[in-house]
């Protein structure tokens, strides 16, 4: 398929700059795949569209304060965005600064114009589009918690007063460079309401990294290489998912990242669809790229936000709901002034 088929024009004023309060006051577009019907509600109405014994699968990855500041030996300023930890303690990063070459030593600072904190990083590798591999002289996560800043996507230009507002309420395992934004709409009260009506929750992990920030640039989407991201589905969650599928209950993925974990756990384990076991526990890297033509093994319904043009996330939603229906839903969302992207409104695909 042509990447241009996933392009669309979005008025800039529809890119949400701040989160709505409370979290579940966002709008909710409900899209029925089999009939094409589209219904407009609010996220707090979600219980009306779910059934007892539905299994919500959330991504509990936590955004780390991944934006660090440093300077080169020459005094030049450098900004570092942590993306993914590699084996051996090195990190894939995006580095903003001039002439950041392999061998360059960076002195970490306590702010953009701050003072040294007694820690350094060395550039030990490089990749395409500005990626650099850094080796840090001290454990990275404690450093990030000490002097790092929570990164926001480049299309958000308004400062965030409370960094926790860019975390889901159930964020737990640190490792993401961006939030799994479909989960930002849930409140403790809404989760309790769902639990009381018999909707169950399970939690997987996918640490969101490099490709979140990049539109597909290749002419054909099949030519786009998706960078790997760490994901985990535990034995306990595998049992929950398999039991729900055996009992013919729906698996409702909260976000595209949860979709990728579930479908990775099924596909990488090479489980025939005829077997009673739909997923097996999985921990490791996934490069699963889902676009139209993909056959879903596990996911029955999807909660998601409205995504960037030409993005792999939009392609995944089109694979699940059907491209024609997604095109129509996005056009209606623009016409009705829905809020788009990370702090925007939500879509439920049934």
C-alpha atoms as a PDB file:
ATOM      1  CA  UNK A   1       0.000   0.000   0.000  1.00  0.00           C
ATOM      2  CA  UNK A   2       1.043   3.577  -0.588  1.00  0.00           C
ATOM      3  CA  UNK A   3       1.949   5.602   2.480  1.00  0.00           C
ATOM      4  CA  UNK A   4       0.190   8.598   0.922  1.00  0.00           C
ATOM      5  CA  UNK A   5      -3.123   6.774   1.413  1.00  0.00           C
ATOM      6  CA  UNK A   6      -2.726   7.403   5.159  1.00  0.00           C
ATOM      7  CA  UNK A   7      -2.247  11.132   4.862  1.00  0.00           C
ATOM      8  CA  UNK A   8      -4.928  13.635   5.816  1.00  0.00           C
ATOM      9  CA  UNK A   9      -5.238  17.351   6.514  1.00  0.00           C
ATOM     10  CA  UNK A  10      -5.738  18.295  10.165  1.00  0.00           C
ATOM     11  CA  UNK A  11      -6.393  21.889  11.287  1.00  0.00           C
ATOM     12  CA  UNK A  12      -3.645  22.733  13.767  1.00  0.00           C
ATOM     13  CA  UNK A  13      -6.148  23.998  16.333  1.00  0.00           C
ATOM     14  CA  UNK A  14      -7.472  20.435  16.728  1.00  0.00           C
ATOM     15  CA  UNK A  15      -4.131  19.200  18.111  1.00  0.00           C
ATOM     16  CA  UNK A  16      -4.829  19.072  21.851  1.00  0.00           C
ATOM     17  CA  UNK A  17      -2.211  21.047  23.776  1.00  0.00           C
ATOM     18  CA  UNK A  18      -3.402  20.304  27.294  1.00  0.00           C
ATOM     19  CA  UNK A  19      -5.184  17.354  28.915  1.00  0.00           C
ATOM     20  CA  UNK A  20      -8.875  17.651  29.621  1.00  0.00           C
ATOM     21  CA  UNK A  21     -10.122  17.439  33.213  1.00  0.00           C
ATOM     22  CA  UNK A  22     -11.253  15.112  34.527  1.00  0.00           C
ATOM     23  CA  UNK A  23      -9.545  12.453  32.445  1.00  0.00           C
ATOM     24  CA  UNK A  24     -12.737  10.641  31.455  1.00  0.00           C
ATOM     25  CA  UNK A  25     -14.474  13.843  30.276  1.00  0.00           C
ATOM     26  CA  UNK A  26     -12.877  13.437  26.857  1.00  0.00           C
ATOM     27  CA  UNK A  27     -15.162  12.668  23.956  1.00  0.00           C
ATOM     28  CA  UNK A  28     -15.552   9.095  22.746  1.00  0.00           C
ATOM     29  CA  UNK A  29     -16.318   8.084  19.185  1.00  0.00           C
ATOM     30  CA  UNK A  30     -17.724   4.545  19.070  1.00  0.00           C
ATOM     31  CA  UNK A  31     -17.203   2.831  15.715  1.00  0.00           C
ATOM     32  CA  UNK A  32     -18.896  -0.456  14.843  1.00  0.00           C
ATOM     33  CA  UNK A  33     -16.786  -2.389  12.352  1.00  0.00           C
ATOM     34  CA  UNK A  34     -19.501  -4.673  11.016  1.00  0.00           C
ATOM     35  CA  UNK A  35     -22.233  -2.076  10.467  1.00  0.00           C
ATOM     36  CA  UNK A  36     -20.212   1.087   9.941  1.00  0.00           C
ATOM     37  CA  UNK A  37     -22.294   2.897  12.561  1.00  0.00           C
ATOM     38  CA  UNK A  38     -20.603   5.760  14.396  1.00  0.00           C
ATOM     39  CA  UNK A  39     -21.845   6.989  17.779  1.00  0.00           C
ATOM     40  CA  UNK A  40     -20.651  10.084  19.673  1.00  0.00           C
ATOM     41  CA  UNK A  41     -20.407   9.963  23.471  1.00  0.00           C
ATOM     42  CA  UNK A  42     -17.945  10.703  26.285  1.00  0.00           C
ATOM     43  CA  UNK A  43     -15.329   8.421  27.768  1.00  0.00           C
ATOM     44  CA  UNK A  44     -17.231   8.152  31.042  1.00  0.00           C
ATOM     45  CA  UNK A  45     -19.956   6.407  29.002  1.00  0.00           C
ATOM     46  CA  UNK A  46     -17.555   3.526  28.242  1.00  0.00           C
ATOM     47  CA  UNK A  47     -19.379   1.065  30.576  1.00  0.00           C
ATOM     48  CA  UNK A  48     -22.431   1.246  28.304  1.00  0.00           C
ATOM     49  CA  UNK A  49     -20.427  -0.355  25.493  1.00  0.00           C
ATOM     50  CA  UNK A  50     -18.665  -3.086  27.461  1.00  0.00           C
ATOM     51  CA  UNK A  51     -20.027  -6.374  28.795  1.00  0.00           C
ATOM     52  CA  UNK A  52     -19.404  -8.421  31.934  1.00  0.00           C
ATOM     53  CA  UNK A  53     -16.314 -10.612  31.491  1.00  0.00           C
ATOM     54  CA  UNK A  54     -14.820  -8.418  28.780  1.00  0.00           C
ATOM     55  CA  UNK A  55     -11.072  -8.298  29.416  1.00  0.00           C
ATOM     56  CA  UNK A  56      -9.430  -4.876  29.151  1.00  0.00           C
ATOM     57  CA  UNK A  57      -5.704  -5.181  28.419  1.00  0.00           C
ATOM     58  CA  UNK A  58      -3.745  -2.092  29.503  1.00  0.00           C
ATOM     59  CA  UNK A  59      -0.113  -1.113  28.921  1.00  0.00           C
ATOM     60  CA  UNK A  60       1.318  -0.271  32.331  1.00  0.00           C
ATOM     61  CA  UNK A  61       4.617   1.139  31.059  1.00  0.00           C
ATOM     62  CA  UNK A  62       5.672   4.328  32.813  1.00  0.00           C
ATOM     63  CA  UNK A  63       7.199   7.329  31.042  1.00  0.00           C
ATOM     64  CA  UNK A  64      10.636   8.085  32.398  1.00  0.00           C
ATOM     65  CA  UNK A  65      12.033  11.653  32.740  1.00  0.00           C
ATOM     66  CA  UNK A  66      13.853  10.894  29.506  1.00  0.00           C
ATOM     67  CA  UNK A  67      14.923  14.402  28.515  1.00  0.00           C
ATOM     68  CA  UNK A  68      18.443  15.112  29.782  1.00  0.00           C
ATOM     69  CA  UNK A  69      20.793  18.050  29.284  1.00  0.00           C
ATOM     70  CA  UNK A  70      24.550  17.993  28.775  1.00  0.00           C
ATOM     71  CA  UNK A  71      27.459  19.832  27.226  1.00  0.00           C
ATOM     72  CA  UNK A  72      30.380  18.791  25.082  1.00  0.00           C
ATOM     73  CA  UNK A  73      34.040  19.325  26.035  1.00  0.00           C
ATOM     74  CA  UNK A  74      33.939  22.372  23.741  1.00  0.00           C
ATOM     75  CA  UNK A  75      31.096  23.830  25.819  1.00  0.00           C
ATOM     76  CA  UNK A  76      28.353  23.271  23.253  1.00  0.00           C
ATOM     77  CA  UNK A  77      24.902  22.474  24.612  1.00  0.00           C
ATOM     78  CA  UNK A  78      23.365  19.065  24.026  1.00  0.00           C
ATOM     79  CA  UNK A  79      19.903  17.670  24.654  1.00  0.00           C
ATOM     80  CA  UNK A  80      19.439  13.914  25.067  1.00  0.00           C
ATOM     81  CA  UNK A  81      16.216  11.941  24.734  1.00  0.00           C
ATOM     82  CA  UNK A  82      16.441   8.427  26.172  1.00  0.00           C
ATOM     83  CA  UNK A  83      14.663   5.927  23.937  1.00  0.00           C
ATOM     84  CA  UNK A  84      15.546   2.342  24.805  1.00  0.00           C
ATOM     85  CA  UNK A  85      17.972   0.495  27.026  1.00  0.00           C
ATOM     86  CA  UNK A  86      20.246  -2.007  25.350  1.00  0.00           C
ATOM     87  CA  UNK A  87      22.054  -4.985  26.764  1.00  0.00           C
ATOM     88  CA  UNK A  88      25.121  -3.998  28.721  1.00  0.00           C
ATOM     89  CA  UNK A  89      23.586  -0.805  30.067  1.00  0.00           C
ATOM     90  CA  UNK A  90      23.921   1.360  26.957  1.00  0.00           C
ATOM     91  CA  UNK A  91      20.958   3.399  25.712  1.00  0.00           C
ATOM     92  CA  UNK A  92      19.583   4.300  22.317  1.00  0.00           C
ATOM     93  CA  UNK A  93      18.955   8.043  22.331  1.00  0.00           C
ATOM     94  CA  UNK A  94      18.115  10.987  20.162  1.00  0.00           C
ATOM     95  CA  UNK A  95      20.785  13.667  20.634  1.00  0.00           C
ATOM     96  CA  UNK A  96      20.264  17.280  19.617  1.00  0.00           C
ATOM     97  CA  UNK A  97      23.526  19.155  19.139  1.00  0.00           C
ATOM     98  CA  UNK A  98      26.247  19.729  16.574  1.00  0.00           C
ATOM     99  CA  UNK A  99      28.938  17.189  15.697  1.00  0.00           C
ATOM    100  CA  UNK A 100      27.931  14.504  18.159  1.00  0.00           C
ATOM    101  CA  UNK A 101      30.276  11.801  16.888  1.00  0.00           C
ATOM    102  CA  UNK A 102      31.336   8.411  18.229  1.00  0.00           C
ATOM    103  CA  UNK A 103      33.835   9.004  21.021  1.00  0.00           C
ATOM    104  CA  UNK A 104      32.330  12.326  22.128  1.00  0.00           C
ATOM    105  CA  UNK A 105      32.045  12.649  25.905  1.00  0.00           C
ATOM    106  CA  UNK A 106      29.058  14.511  27.293  1.00  0.00           C
ATOM    107  CA  UNK A 107      28.948  16.090  30.762  1.00  0.00           C
ATOM    108  CA  UNK A 108      25.457  15.803  32.250  1.00  0.00           C
ATOM    109  CA  UNK A 109      23.880  18.944  33.736  1.00  0.00           C
ATOM    110  CA  UNK A 110      21.103  19.641  36.224  1.00  0.00           C
ATOM    111  CA  UNK A 111      19.115  21.641  33.649  1.00  0.00           C
ATOM    112  CA  UNK A 112      19.281  23.328  30.224  1.00  0.00           C
ATOM    113  CA  UNK A 113      21.662  25.965  31.562  1.00  0.00           C
ATOM    114  CA  UNK A 114      22.653  24.028  34.632  1.00  0.00           C
ATOM    115  CA  UNK A 115      25.760  22.852  36.393  1.00  0.00           C
ATOM    116  CA  UNK A 116      27.552  19.496  36.067  1.00  0.00           C
ATOM    117  CA  UNK A 117      26.219  16.733  38.315  1.00  0.00           C
ATOM    118  CA  UNK A 118      29.358  14.598  38.282  1.00  0.00           C
ATOM    119  CA  UNK A 119      28.225  12.161  35.621  1.00  0.00           C
ATOM    120  CA  UNK A 120      29.180  11.643  31.993  1.00  0.00           C
ATOM    121  CA  UNK A 121      27.982   9.772  28.915  1.00  0.00           C
ATOM    122  CA  UNK A 122      30.082   8.642  25.973  1.00  0.00           C
ATOM    123  CA  UNK A 123      28.836   8.202  22.410  1.00  0.00           C
ATOM    124  CA  UNK A 124      29.674   4.599  21.507  1.00  0.00           C
ATOM    125  CA  UNK A 125      27.514   4.123  18.422  1.00  0.00           C
ATOM    126  CA  UNK A 126      25.261   5.866  15.955  1.00  0.00           C
ATOM    127  CA  UNK A 127      22.314   5.067  13.750  1.00  0.00           C
ATOM    128  CA  UNK A 128      20.046   6.700  11.250  1.00  0.00           C
ATOM    129  CA  UNK A 129      18.101   9.917  11.718  1.00  0.00           C
ATOM    130  CA  UNK A 130      20.091  11.232  14.657  1.00  0.00           C
ATOM    131  CA  UNK A 131      20.073   8.122  16.847  1.00  0.00           C
ATOM    132  CA  UNK A 132      23.114   7.748  19.103  1.00  0.00           C
ATOM    133  CA  UNK A 133      24.080   4.948  21.462  1.00  0.00           C
ATOM    134  CA  UNK A 134      25.336   6.293  24.780  1.00  0.00           C
ATOM    135  CA  UNK A 135      27.244   4.568  27.562  1.00  0.00           C
ATOM    136  CA  UNK A 136      26.639   6.265  30.911  1.00  0.00           C
ATOM    137  CA  UNK A 137      29.084   6.291  33.783  1.00  0.00           C
ATOM    138  CA  UNK A 138      26.286   5.886  36.324  1.00  0.00           C
ATOM    139  CA  UNK A 139      22.931   4.036  36.343  1.00  0.00           C
ATOM    140  CA  UNK A 140      20.642   5.945  34.019  1.00  0.00           C
ATOM    141  CA  UNK A 141      17.206   5.749  35.639  1.00  0.00           C
ATOM    142  CA  UNK A 142      18.368   7.249  38.966  1.00  0.00           C
ATOM    143  CA  UNK A 143      20.073  10.016  36.969  1.00  0.00           C
ATOM    144  CA  UNK A 144      16.918  10.661  34.977  1.00  0.00           C
ATOM    145  CA  UNK A 145      14.810  10.765  38.128  1.00  0.00           C
ATOM    146  CA  UNK A 146      17.273  13.249  39.597  1.00  0.00           C
ATOM    147  CA  UNK A 147      17.710  15.736  36.740  1.00  0.00           C
ATOM    148  CA  UNK A 148      15.566  14.551  33.826  1.00  0.00           C
ATOM    149  CA  UNK A 149      12.424  16.149  32.432  1.00  0.00           C
ATOM    150  CA  UNK A 150       9.353  14.259  31.209  1.00  0.00           C
ATOM    151  CA  UNK A 151       9.340  14.578  27.417  1.00  0.00           C
ATOM    152  CA  UNK A 152       6.248  15.667  25.546  1.00  0.00           C
ATOM    153  CA  UNK A 153       5.602  14.955  21.853  1.00  0.00           C
ATOM    154  CA  UNK A 154       6.936  17.619  19.463  1.00  0.00           C
ATOM    155  CA  UNK A 155       3.427  18.738  18.468  1.00  0.00           C
ATOM    156  CA  UNK A 156       2.639  19.817  22.066  1.00  0.00           C
ATOM    157  CA  UNK A 157       3.885  23.347  22.707  1.00  0.00           C
ATOM    158  CA  UNK A 158       2.247  24.068  26.062  1.00  0.00           C
ATOM    159  CA  UNK A 159       4.147  23.212  29.232  1.00  0.00           C
ATOM    160  CA  UNK A 160       2.593  20.609  31.494  1.00  0.00           C
ATOM    161  CA  UNK A 161       2.014  21.780  35.063  1.00  0.00           C
ATOM    162  CA  UNK A 162       1.836  18.252  36.475  1.00  0.00           C
ATOM    163  CA  UNK A 163       4.086  15.618  34.881  1.00  0.00           C
ATOM    164  CA  UNK A 164       1.843  12.861  36.285  1.00  0.00           C
ATOM    165  CA  UNK A 165      -0.854  13.990  33.882  1.00  0.00           C
ATOM    166  CA  UNK A 166       1.250  12.430  31.121  1.00  0.00           C
ATOM    167  CA  UNK A 167       1.121   9.079  32.924  1.00  0.00           C
ATOM    168  CA  UNK A 168      -1.729   6.600  33.101  1.00  0.00           C
ATOM    169  CA  UNK A 169      -3.121   6.114  36.593  1.00  0.00           C
ATOM    170  CA  UNK A 170      -1.762   2.550  36.547  1.00  0.00           C
ATOM    171  CA  UNK A 171       1.697   3.356  35.118  1.00  0.00           C
ATOM    172  CA  UNK A 172       4.168   1.123  36.895  1.00  0.00           C
ATOM    173  CA  UNK A 173       7.248  -0.169  35.045  1.00  0.00           C
ATOM    174  CA  UNK A 174       9.617   2.654  33.961  1.00  0.00           C
ATOM    175  CA  UNK A 175      10.914   2.555  30.409  1.00  0.00           C
ATOM    176  CA  UNK A 176       8.840   4.576  27.913  1.00  0.00           C
ATOM    177  CA  UNK A 177       9.825   7.749  26.084  1.00  0.00           C
ATOM    178  CA  UNK A 178       6.128   8.523  25.469  1.00  0.00           C
ATOM    179  CA  UNK A 179       2.863   7.661  27.185  1.00  0.00           C
ATOM    180  CA  UNK A 180       0.457   4.935  26.025  1.00  0.00           C
ATOM    181  CA  UNK A 181      -2.110   7.642  25.493  1.00  0.00           C
ATOM    182  CA  UNK A 182      -5.279   5.556  25.137  1.00  0.00           C
ATOM    183  CA  UNK A 183      -4.923   4.775  28.833  1.00  0.00           C
ATOM    184  CA  UNK A 184      -4.813   8.446  29.850  1.00  0.00           C
ATOM    185  CA  UNK A 185      -8.636   8.591  29.799  1.00  0.00           C
ATOM    186  CA  UNK A 186      -9.141   6.154  32.679  1.00  0.00           C
ATOM    187  CA  UNK A 187      -9.844   7.350  36.213  1.00  0.00           C
ATOM    188  CA  UNK A 188      -9.837   5.256  39.394  1.00  0.00           C
ATOM    189  CA  UNK A 189     -13.604   5.739  39.631  1.00  0.00           C
ATOM    190  CA  UNK A 190     -14.182   4.527  36.072  1.00  0.00           C
ATOM    191  CA  UNK A 191     -12.018   1.445  36.608  1.00  0.00           C
ATOM    192  CA  UNK A 192     -13.956   0.669  39.808  1.00  0.00           C
ATOM    193  CA  UNK A 193     -17.254   1.052  37.972  1.00  0.00           C
ATOM    194  CA  UNK A 194     -16.087  -1.330  35.264  1.00  0.00           C
ATOM    195  CA  UNK A 195     -14.847  -3.840  37.831  1.00  0.00           C
ATOM    196  CA  UNK A 196     -18.165  -3.737  39.672  1.00  0.00           C
ATOM    197  CA  UNK A 197     -20.032  -4.576  36.461  1.00  0.00           C
ATOM    198  CA  UNK A 198     -17.761  -7.557  35.843  1.00  0.00           C
ATOM    199  CA  UNK A 199     -15.289  -6.109  33.338  1.00  0.00           C
ATOM    200  CA  UNK A 200     -11.832  -7.411  34.129  1.00  0.00           C
ATOM    201  CA  UNK A 201      -8.406  -5.845  33.592  1.00  0.00           C
ATOM    202  CA  UNK A 202      -5.024  -7.284  32.711  1.00  0.00           C
ATOM    203  CA  UNK A 203      -1.730  -5.443  32.401  1.00  0.00           C
ATOM    204  CA  UNK A 204       1.054  -5.895  29.865  1.00  0.00           C
ATOM    205  CA  UNK A 205       4.186  -3.842  29.210  1.00  0.00           C
ATOM    206  CA  UNK A 206       5.492  -2.216  26.059  1.00  0.00           C
ATOM    207  CA  UNK A 207       8.120   0.494  26.408  1.00  0.00           C
ATOM    208  CA  UNK A 208       7.380   3.064  23.714  1.00  0.00           C
ATOM    209  CA  UNK A 209      10.449   4.182  21.818  1.00  0.00           C
ATOM    210  CA  UNK A 210      11.826   5.589  18.604  1.00  0.00           C
ATOM    211  CA  UNK A 211       9.060   4.986  16.082  1.00  0.00           C
ATOM    212  CA  UNK A 212       6.466   6.915  18.070  1.00  0.00           C
ATOM    213  CA  UNK A 213       8.210  10.103  16.894  1.00  0.00           C
ATOM    214  CA  UNK A 214       8.527   9.207  13.228  1.00  0.00           C
ATOM    215  CA  UNK A 215       6.015   9.191  10.391  1.00  0.00           C
ATOM    216  CA  UNK A 216       6.519   6.609   7.689  1.00  0.00           C
ATOM    217  CA  UNK A 217       8.734   8.171   5.024  1.00  0.00           C
ATOM    218  CA  UNK A 218       8.931   5.275   2.560  1.00  0.00           C
ATOM    219  CA  UNK A 219       6.625   5.402  -0.437  1.00  0.00           C
ATOM    220  CA  UNK A 220       5.302   1.892   0.291  1.00  0.00           C
ATOM    221  CA  UNK A 221       4.393   1.061   3.867  1.00  0.00           C
ATOM    222  CA  UNK A 222       5.720  -2.468   3.395  1.00  0.00           C
ATOM    223  CA  UNK A 223       9.223  -0.990   3.028  1.00  0.00           C
ATOM    224  CA  UNK A 224       9.151   0.767   6.405  1.00  0.00           C
ATOM    225  CA  UNK A 225      11.479  -0.857   8.989  1.00  0.00           C
ATOM    226  CA  UNK A 226       9.933  -0.758  12.451  1.00  0.00           C
ATOM    227  CA  UNK A 227      12.445  -0.439  15.277  1.00  0.00           C
ATOM    228  CA  UNK A 228      12.150  -2.956  18.075  1.00  0.00           C
ATOM    229  CA  UNK A 229      10.532  -2.149  21.412  1.00  0.00           C
ATOM    230  CA  UNK A 230      10.636  -4.194  24.597  1.00  0.00           C
ATOM    231  CA  UNK A 231       7.396  -5.884  25.598  1.00  0.00           C
ATOM    232  CA  UNK A 232       6.234  -8.389  28.178  1.00  0.00           C
ATOM    233  CA  UNK A 233       3.162 -10.561  28.693  1.00  0.00           C
ATOM    234  CA  UNK A 234       3.367 -12.588  31.895  1.00  0.00           C
ATOM    235  CA  UNK A 235       2.139 -16.169  32.467  1.00  0.00           C
ATOM    236  CA  UNK A 236      -0.685 -14.799  34.625  1.00  0.00           C
ATOM    237  CA  UNK A 237      -1.906 -12.486  31.888  1.00  0.00           C
ATOM    238  CA  UNK A 238      -1.555 -15.236  29.266  1.00  0.00           C
ATOM    239  CA  UNK A 239      -3.853 -17.360  31.402  1.00  0.00           C
ATOM    240  CA  UNK A 240      -6.370 -14.499  31.696  1.00  0.00           C
ATOM    241  CA  UNK A 241      -6.382 -13.931  27.936  1.00  0.00           C
ATOM    242  CA  UNK A 242      -6.649 -17.616  27.046  1.00  0.00           C
ATOM    243  CA  UNK A 243      -9.470 -18.195  29.509  1.00  0.00           C
ATOM    244  CA  UNK A 244     -11.410 -15.209  28.198  1.00  0.00           C
ATOM    245  CA  UNK A 245     -11.041 -16.387  24.599  1.00  0.00           C
ATOM    246  CA  UNK A 246     -12.067 -19.943  25.509  1.00  0.00           C
ATOM    247  CA  UNK A 247     -15.204 -18.585  27.167  1.00  0.00           C
ATOM    248  CA  UNK A 248     -15.939 -16.413  24.118  1.00  0.00           C
ATOM    249  CA  UNK A 249     -15.432 -13.123  25.960  1.00  0.00           C
ATOM    250  CA  UNK A 250     -13.942 -10.106  24.241  1.00  0.00           C
ATOM    251  CA  UNK A 251     -10.335  -8.984  24.523  1.00  0.00           C
ATOM    252  CA  UNK A 252     -10.418  -5.164  24.512  1.00  0.00           C
ATOM    253  CA  UNK A 253      -6.983  -3.702  23.871  1.00  0.00           C
ATOM    254  CA  UNK A 254      -6.406  -0.314  25.489  1.00  0.00           C
ATOM    255  CA  UNK A 255      -4.172   1.308  22.910  1.00  0.00           C
ATOM    256  CA  UNK A 256      -2.155   0.211  19.917  1.00  0.00           C
ATOM    257  CA  UNK A 257       0.745  -0.808  22.160  1.00  0.00           C
ATOM    258  CA  UNK A 258      -1.411  -3.377  23.946  1.00  0.00           C
ATOM    259  CA  UNK A 259      -2.475  -4.685  20.538  1.00  0.00           C
ATOM    260  CA  UNK A 260       1.146  -5.201  19.560  1.00  0.00           C
ATOM    261  CA  UNK A 261       1.968  -7.049  22.778  1.00  0.00           C
ATOM    262  CA  UNK A 262      -1.000  -9.392  22.430  1.00  0.00           C
ATOM    263  CA  UNK A 263      -0.449 -10.089  18.757  1.00  0.00           C
ATOM    264  CA  UNK A 264       3.303 -10.522  19.291  1.00  0.00           C
ATOM    265  CA  UNK A 265       2.690 -13.051  22.057  1.00  0.00           C
ATOM    266  CA  UNK A 266       0.460 -15.020  19.684  1.00  0.00           C
ATOM    267  CA  UNK A 267       2.477 -14.644  16.489  1.00  0.00           C
ATOM    268  CA  UNK A 268       5.994 -15.139  17.820  1.00  0.00           C
ATOM    269  CA  UNK A 269       4.896 -18.256  19.701  1.00  0.00           C
ATOM    270  CA  UNK A 270       3.604 -19.622  16.367  1.00  0.00           C
ATOM    271  CA  UNK A 271       0.373 -20.834  17.880  1.00  0.00           C
ATOM    272  CA  UNK A 272      -2.060 -22.377  15.368  1.00  0.00           C
ATOM    273  CA  UNK A 273      -5.452 -20.736  15.584  1.00  0.00           C
ATOM    274  CA  UNK A 274      -7.044 -24.148  16.046  1.00  0.00           C
ATOM    275  CA  UNK A 275      -5.377 -24.625  19.411  1.00  0.00           C
ATOM    276  CA  UNK A 276      -7.141 -23.660  22.620  1.00  0.00           C
ATOM    277  CA  UNK A 277      -4.131 -21.622  23.695  1.00  0.00           C
ATOM    278  CA  UNK A 278      -4.255 -18.250  21.972  1.00  0.00           C
ATOM    279  CA  UNK A 279      -1.211 -16.621  23.568  1.00  0.00           C
ATOM    280  CA  UNK A 280       1.765 -17.765  25.525  1.00  0.00           C
ATOM    281  CA  UNK A 281       3.920 -15.738  27.918  1.00  0.00           C
ATOM    282  CA  UNK A 282       6.405 -13.569  26.089  1.00  0.00           C
ATOM    283  CA  UNK A 283       9.214 -11.203  27.044  1.00  0.00           C
ATOM    284  CA  UNK A 284      11.580  -9.584  24.591  1.00  0.00           C
ATOM    285  CA  UNK A 285      11.787  -7.303  21.582  1.00  0.00           C
ATOM    286  CA  UNK A 286       8.956  -6.844  19.113  1.00  0.00           C
ATOM    287  CA  UNK A 287       9.153  -5.320  15.656  1.00  0.00           C
ATOM    288  CA  UNK A 288       5.605  -6.312  14.708  1.00  0.00           C
ATOM    289  CA  UNK A 289       4.287  -3.835  12.133  1.00  0.00           C
ATOM    290  CA  UNK A 290       0.516  -4.104  11.730  1.00  0.00           C
ATOM    291  CA  UNK A 291      -1.061  -2.565   8.641  1.00  0.00           C
ATOM    292  CA  UNK A 292      -4.075  -3.411   6.445  1.00  0.00           C
ATOM    293  CA  UNK A 293      -4.049  -7.060   5.463  1.00  0.00           C
ATOM    294  CA  UNK A 294      -2.906  -8.252   8.880  1.00  0.00           C
ATOM    295  CA  UNK A 295      -5.053 -11.039  10.383  1.00  0.00           C
ATOM    296  CA  UNK A 296      -5.688 -10.458  14.076  1.00  0.00           C
ATOM    297  CA  UNK A 297      -5.407 -13.497  16.336  1.00  0.00           C
ATOM    298  CA  UNK A 298      -6.387 -12.138  19.733  1.00  0.00           C
ATOM    299  CA  UNK A 299      -7.857  -8.613  19.816  1.00  0.00           C
ATOM    300  CA  UNK A 300     -11.643  -8.216  19.548  1.00  0.00           C
ATOM    301  CA  UNK A 301     -12.070  -4.507  20.317  1.00  0.00           C
ATOM    302  CA  UNK A 302      -9.797  -1.482  20.541  1.00  0.00           C
ATOM    303  CA  UNK A 303      -9.672   1.755  22.525  1.00  0.00           C
ATOM    304  CA  UNK A 304      -7.378   4.280  20.894  1.00  0.00           C
ATOM    305  CA  UNK A 305      -6.757   7.983  20.296  1.00  0.00           C
ATOM    306  CA  UNK A 306      -6.741   9.836  16.973  1.00  0.00           C
ATOM    307  CA  UNK A 307      -3.310   9.456  15.415  1.00  0.00           C
ATOM    308  CA  UNK A 308      -0.883  11.395  13.236  1.00  0.00           C
ATOM    309  CA  UNK A 309      -1.040  11.218   9.443  1.00  0.00           C
ATOM    310  CA  UNK A 310       1.261   8.619   7.882  1.00  0.00           C
ATOM    311  CA  UNK A 311       1.905   7.020  11.281  1.00  0.00           C
ATOM    312  CA  UNK A 312       2.240   3.316  11.992  1.00  0.00           C
ATOM    313  CA  UNK A 313      -0.423   3.791  14.677  1.00  0.00           C
ATOM    314  CA  UNK A 314      -2.980   5.011  12.141  1.00  0.00           C
ATOM    315  CA  UNK A 315      -2.097   2.058   9.915  1.00  0.00           C
ATOM    316  CA  UNK A 316      -2.728  -0.366  12.781  1.00  0.00           C
ATOM    317  CA  UNK A 317      -6.156   1.138  13.455  1.00  0.00           C
ATOM    318  CA  UNK A 318      -6.974   0.916   9.742  1.00  0.00           C
ATOM    319  CA  UNK A 319      -5.936  -2.736   9.759  1.00  0.00           C
ATOM    320  CA  UNK A 320      -8.327  -3.423  12.624  1.00  0.00           C
ATOM    321  CA  UNK A 321     -11.332  -1.320  11.647  1.00  0.00           C
ATOM    322  CA  UNK A 322     -10.949  -1.162   7.866  1.00  0.00           C
ATOM    323  CA  UNK A 323      -9.362   1.738   6.057  1.00  0.00           C
ATOM    324  CA  UNK A 324     -12.539   3.091   4.478  1.00  0.00           C
ATOM    325  CA  UNK A 325     -14.330   3.184   7.831  1.00  0.00           C
ATOM    326  CA  UNK A 326     -11.355   4.824   9.548  1.00  0.00           C
ATOM    327  CA  UNK A 327     -11.134   7.457   6.809  1.00  0.00           C
ATOM    328  CA  UNK A 328     -14.804   8.252   7.304  1.00  0.00           C
ATOM    329  CA  UNK A 329     -14.484   8.322  11.102  1.00  0.00           C
ATOM    330  CA  UNK A 330     -11.503  10.704  10.964  1.00  0.00           C
ATOM    331  CA  UNK A 331     -13.302  13.009   8.554  1.00  0.00           C
ATOM    332  CA  UNK A 332     -16.268  13.106  10.925  1.00  0.00           C
ATOM    333  CA  UNK A 333     -13.980  13.721  13.907  1.00  0.00           C
ATOM    334  CA  UNK A 334     -12.482  16.725  12.118  1.00  0.00           C
ATOM    335  CA  UNK A 335     -15.916  18.024  11.133  1.00  0.00           C
ATOM    336  CA  UNK A 336     -17.166  17.722  14.738  1.00  0.00           C
ATOM    337  CA  UNK A 337     -14.002  19.296  16.179  1.00  0.00           C
ATOM    338  CA  UNK A 338     -12.696  16.323  18.110  1.00  0.00           C
ATOM    339  CA  UNK A 339      -9.351  16.824  19.845  1.00  0.00           C
ATOM    340  CA  UNK A 340      -6.449  14.887  18.274  1.00  0.00           C
ATOM    341  CA  UNK A 341      -3.249  13.133  19.341  1.00  0.00           C
ATOM    342  CA  UNK A 342      -1.815  12.472  22.813  1.00  0.00           C
ATOM    343  CA  UNK A 343      -4.088  14.697  24.929  1.00  0.00           C
ATOM    344  CA  UNK A 344      -6.992  14.334  22.545  1.00  0.00           C
ATOM    345  CA  UNK A 345     -10.235  12.381  22.468  1.00  0.00           C
ATOM    346  CA  UNK A 346     -10.753   8.649  22.149  1.00  0.00           C
ATOM    347  CA  UNK A 347     -12.201   6.094  19.766  1.00  0.00           C
ATOM    348  CA  UNK A 348     -13.695   2.722  20.671  1.00  0.00           C
ATOM    349  CA  UNK A 349     -13.703   0.244  17.788  1.00  0.00           C
ATOM    350  CA  UNK A 350     -16.132  -2.658  18.298  1.00  0.00           C
END
